[in-house]
């Protein structure tokens, strides 16, 4: 059984992306976007969850 080798650099890029998205989530929480606050927060949360599932849980490279 052979696995897909992923470079550590990709993990660092994903980690930084997750941290930036977390910062954006906090920043957006302080903005008054009316009904859009929930939509924006959920969009960011789904994006972060997708990155975690695809890369850190190795779903992207599973067969």
C-alpha atoms as a PDB file:
ATOM      1  CA  UNK A   1       0.000   0.000   0.000  1.00  0.00           C
ATOM      2  CA  UNK A   2       1.599   3.226  -1.104  1.00  0.00           C
ATOM      3  CA  UNK A   3       0.650   6.639   0.189  1.00  0.00           C
ATOM      4  CA  UNK A   4       0.847  10.027  -1.381  1.00  0.00           C
ATOM      5  CA  UNK A   5       3.790  12.089  -0.113  1.00  0.00           C
ATOM      6  CA  UNK A   6       2.847  15.663   0.723  1.00  0.00           C
ATOM      7  CA  UNK A   7       5.535  18.242   1.309  1.00  0.00           C
ATOM      8  CA  UNK A   8       5.622  19.982   4.692  1.00  0.00           C
ATOM      9  CA  UNK A   9       5.472  23.292   2.824  1.00  0.00           C
ATOM     10  CA  UNK A  10       1.885  22.529   1.788  1.00  0.00           C
ATOM     11  CA  UNK A  11       0.933  21.937   5.419  1.00  0.00           C
ATOM     12  CA  UNK A  12       2.476  25.274   6.378  1.00  0.00           C
ATOM     13  CA  UNK A  13       0.572  27.045   3.605  1.00  0.00           C
ATOM     14  CA  UNK A  14      -2.701  25.443   4.702  1.00  0.00           C
ATOM     15  CA  UNK A  15      -1.960  26.327   8.336  1.00  0.00           C
ATOM     16  CA  UNK A  16      -1.263  29.970   7.475  1.00  0.00           C
ATOM     17  CA  UNK A  17      -4.421  30.064   5.354  1.00  0.00           C
ATOM     18  CA  UNK A  18      -6.449  28.724   8.281  1.00  0.00           C
ATOM     19  CA  UNK A  19      -4.952  31.331  10.597  1.00  0.00           C
ATOM     20  CA  UNK A  20      -5.717  34.138   8.139  1.00  0.00           C
ATOM     21  CA  UNK A  21      -9.293  32.901   7.765  1.00  0.00           C
ATOM     22  CA  UNK A  22      -9.610  32.801  11.555  1.00  0.00           C
ATOM     23  CA  UNK A  23      -8.442  36.413  11.705  1.00  0.00           C
ATOM     24  CA  UNK A  24     -10.928  37.368   9.007  1.00  0.00           C
ATOM     25  CA  UNK A  25     -13.687  35.659  10.997  1.00  0.00           C
ATOM     26  CA  UNK A  26     -12.839  37.705  14.091  1.00  0.00           C
ATOM     27  CA  UNK A  27     -12.580  40.908  12.057  1.00  0.00           C
ATOM     28  CA  UNK A  28     -15.934  40.313  10.335  1.00  0.00           C
ATOM     29  CA  UNK A  29     -17.574  39.655  13.709  1.00  0.00           C
ATOM     30  CA  UNK A  30     -16.906  43.284  14.641  1.00  0.00           C
ATOM     31  CA  UNK A  31     -18.387  44.665  11.415  1.00  0.00           C
ATOM     32  CA  UNK A  32     -22.061  45.520  11.159  1.00  0.00           C
ATOM     33  CA  UNK A  33     -23.096  43.616   8.062  1.00  0.00           C
ATOM     34  CA  UNK A  34     -26.692  43.112   9.217  1.00  0.00           C
ATOM     35  CA  UNK A  35     -27.943  39.708   8.051  1.00  0.00           C
ATOM     36  CA  UNK A  36     -24.727  39.029   6.113  1.00  0.00           C
ATOM     37  CA  UNK A  37     -22.669  38.410   9.291  1.00  0.00           C
ATOM     38  CA  UNK A  38     -24.016  34.885   9.623  1.00  0.00           C
ATOM     39  CA  UNK A  39     -23.610  34.125   5.935  1.00  0.00           C
ATOM     40  CA  UNK A  40     -20.009  35.363   5.871  1.00  0.00           C
ATOM     41  CA  UNK A  41     -19.119  33.503   9.072  1.00  0.00           C
ATOM     42  CA  UNK A  42     -20.626  30.256   7.785  1.00  0.00           C
ATOM     43  CA  UNK A  43     -18.868  30.615   4.434  1.00  0.00           C
ATOM     44  CA  UNK A  44     -15.514  31.039   6.160  1.00  0.00           C
ATOM     45  CA  UNK A  45     -16.260  28.123   8.509  1.00  0.00           C
ATOM     46  CA  UNK A  46     -17.155  25.807   5.623  1.00  0.00           C
ATOM     47  CA  UNK A  47     -13.997  26.841   3.764  1.00  0.00           C
ATOM     48  CA  UNK A  48     -11.846  26.120   6.818  1.00  0.00           C
ATOM     49  CA  UNK A  49     -13.549  22.781   7.449  1.00  0.00           C
ATOM     50  CA  UNK A  50     -13.040  21.787   3.817  1.00  0.00           C
ATOM     51  CA  UNK A  51      -9.321  22.564   4.006  1.00  0.00           C
ATOM     52  CA  UNK A  52      -8.955  20.528   7.199  1.00  0.00           C
ATOM     53  CA  UNK A  53     -10.823  17.534   5.795  1.00  0.00           C
ATOM     54  CA  UNK A  54      -9.055  17.559   2.434  1.00  0.00           C
ATOM     55  CA  UNK A  55      -5.497  18.071   3.599  1.00  0.00           C
ATOM     56  CA  UNK A  56      -5.062  17.247   7.286  1.00  0.00           C
ATOM     57  CA  UNK A  57      -7.361  14.214   7.150  1.00  0.00           C
ATOM     58  CA  UNK A  58      -5.814  13.141   3.809  1.00  0.00           C
ATOM     59  CA  UNK A  59      -9.170  12.808   2.047  1.00  0.00           C
ATOM     60  CA  UNK A  60      -7.866  14.569  -1.049  1.00  0.00           C
ATOM     61  CA  UNK A  61      -5.412  11.780  -1.784  1.00  0.00           C
ATOM     62  CA  UNK A  62      -7.452   8.770  -0.632  1.00  0.00           C
ATOM     63  CA  UNK A  63      -8.664   6.210  -3.099  1.00  0.00           C
END
